[in-house]
């Protein structure tokens, strides 16, 4: 048995994170499936899924890491692949 559920989220951008644990657990419970594997997919080039302890310190560390990789005031080159 395969079941598909869509979760829609609103974020504020710039490393905003959402804890989807309860929503995923609810979708599994409502599916009627009693054993198996949950696969999560996040479409889009600027979104991501991660497993992290959802608490203020860990989220701050993650955002600080993102800022080190790509500084917020960095000027990115435009995408040249678009017509």
Protein backbone atom coordinates (compact mmCIF):
# COMPACT_ATOMS: atom_id res chain seq x y z
CA UNK A 1 0.00 0.00 0.00
CA UNK A 2 1.28 3.45 -0.92
CA UNK A 3 -0.30 6.61 0.40
CA UNK A 4 0.62 10.21 -0.39
CA UNK A 5 -0.02 13.28 1.72
CA UNK A 6 0.96 16.87 1.03
CA UNK A 7 2.00 19.23 3.81
CA UNK A 8 2.10 22.95 2.99
CA UNK A 9 4.19 25.34 5.07
CA UNK A 10 4.64 29.08 5.23
CA UNK A 11 8.14 30.24 6.15
CA UNK A 12 9.85 33.59 6.59
CA UNK A 13 12.86 32.65 4.43
CA UNK A 14 16.54 33.00 5.31
CA UNK A 15 16.99 29.76 7.23
CA UNK A 16 13.55 29.70 8.81
CA UNK A 17 12.88 26.17 10.06
CA UNK A 18 9.65 24.34 10.81
CA UNK A 19 9.21 21.30 13.03
CA UNK A 20 7.03 18.96 10.96
CA UNK A 21 7.25 15.98 13.32
CA UNK A 22 3.66 16.22 14.58
CA UNK A 23 2.25 16.82 11.08
CA UNK A 24 4.09 13.77 9.70
CA UNK A 25 2.99 11.62 12.64
CA UNK A 26 -0.62 12.72 12.10
CA UNK A 27 -0.44 11.92 8.37
CA UNK A 28 0.94 8.46 9.14
CA UNK A 29 -1.74 7.80 11.77
CA UNK A 30 -4.51 8.93 9.43
CA UNK A 31 -3.16 6.81 6.55
CA UNK A 32 -4.08 3.56 8.24
CA UNK A 33 -0.66 2.12 7.44
CA UNK A 34 0.70 0.22 10.45
CA UNK A 35 4.27 -0.49 9.33
CA UNK A 36 6.58 0.71 6.62
CA UNK A 37 8.79 3.61 5.65
CA UNK A 38 8.00 7.32 5.46
CA UNK A 39 9.66 9.16 2.60
CA UNK A 40 9.73 12.96 2.69
CA UNK A 41 10.33 15.12 -0.37
CA UNK A 42 10.83 18.86 -0.47
CA UNK A 43 10.54 20.37 -3.97
CA UNK A 44 12.36 23.56 -4.86
CA UNK A 45 15.91 24.75 -5.24
CA UNK A 46 15.94 26.85 -2.07
CA UNK A 47 14.21 24.48 0.35
CA UNK A 48 15.57 21.54 2.28
CA UNK A 49 14.79 18.80 4.76
CA UNK A 50 17.06 17.98 7.65
CA UNK A 51 17.02 16.11 10.89
CA UNK A 52 18.08 18.34 13.74
CA UNK A 53 17.19 18.78 17.37
CA UNK A 54 14.53 21.46 17.10
CA UNK A 55 15.66 23.83 19.83
CA UNK A 56 16.84 27.43 19.76
CA UNK A 57 20.57 26.75 20.16
CA UNK A 58 20.74 24.16 17.38
CA UNK A 59 18.70 26.34 15.03
CA UNK A 60 20.96 29.34 15.76
CA UNK A 61 24.05 27.21 15.07
CA UNK A 62 22.56 26.01 11.78
CA UNK A 63 21.73 29.56 10.67
CA UNK A 64 25.20 30.78 11.67
CA UNK A 65 26.68 28.00 9.53
CA UNK A 66 24.54 29.06 6.56
CA UNK A 67 25.70 32.66 7.03
CA UNK A 68 29.34 31.51 7.02
CA UNK A 69 28.85 29.53 3.81
CA UNK A 70 26.95 32.30 2.04
CA UNK A 71 27.16 35.66 3.85
CA UNK A 72 23.79 37.45 3.92
CA UNK A 73 25.21 40.54 2.19
CA UNK A 74 26.97 38.50 -0.54
CA UNK A 75 26.07 39.55 -4.08
CA UNK A 76 25.19 36.43 -6.05
CA UNK A 77 25.68 36.24 -9.80
CA UNK A 78 22.43 36.04 -11.75
CA UNK A 79 21.42 32.69 -13.21
CA UNK A 80 22.53 32.72 -16.83
CA UNK A 81 20.71 29.51 -17.77
CA UNK A 82 17.33 31.21 -18.02
CA UNK A 83 16.18 32.58 -21.32
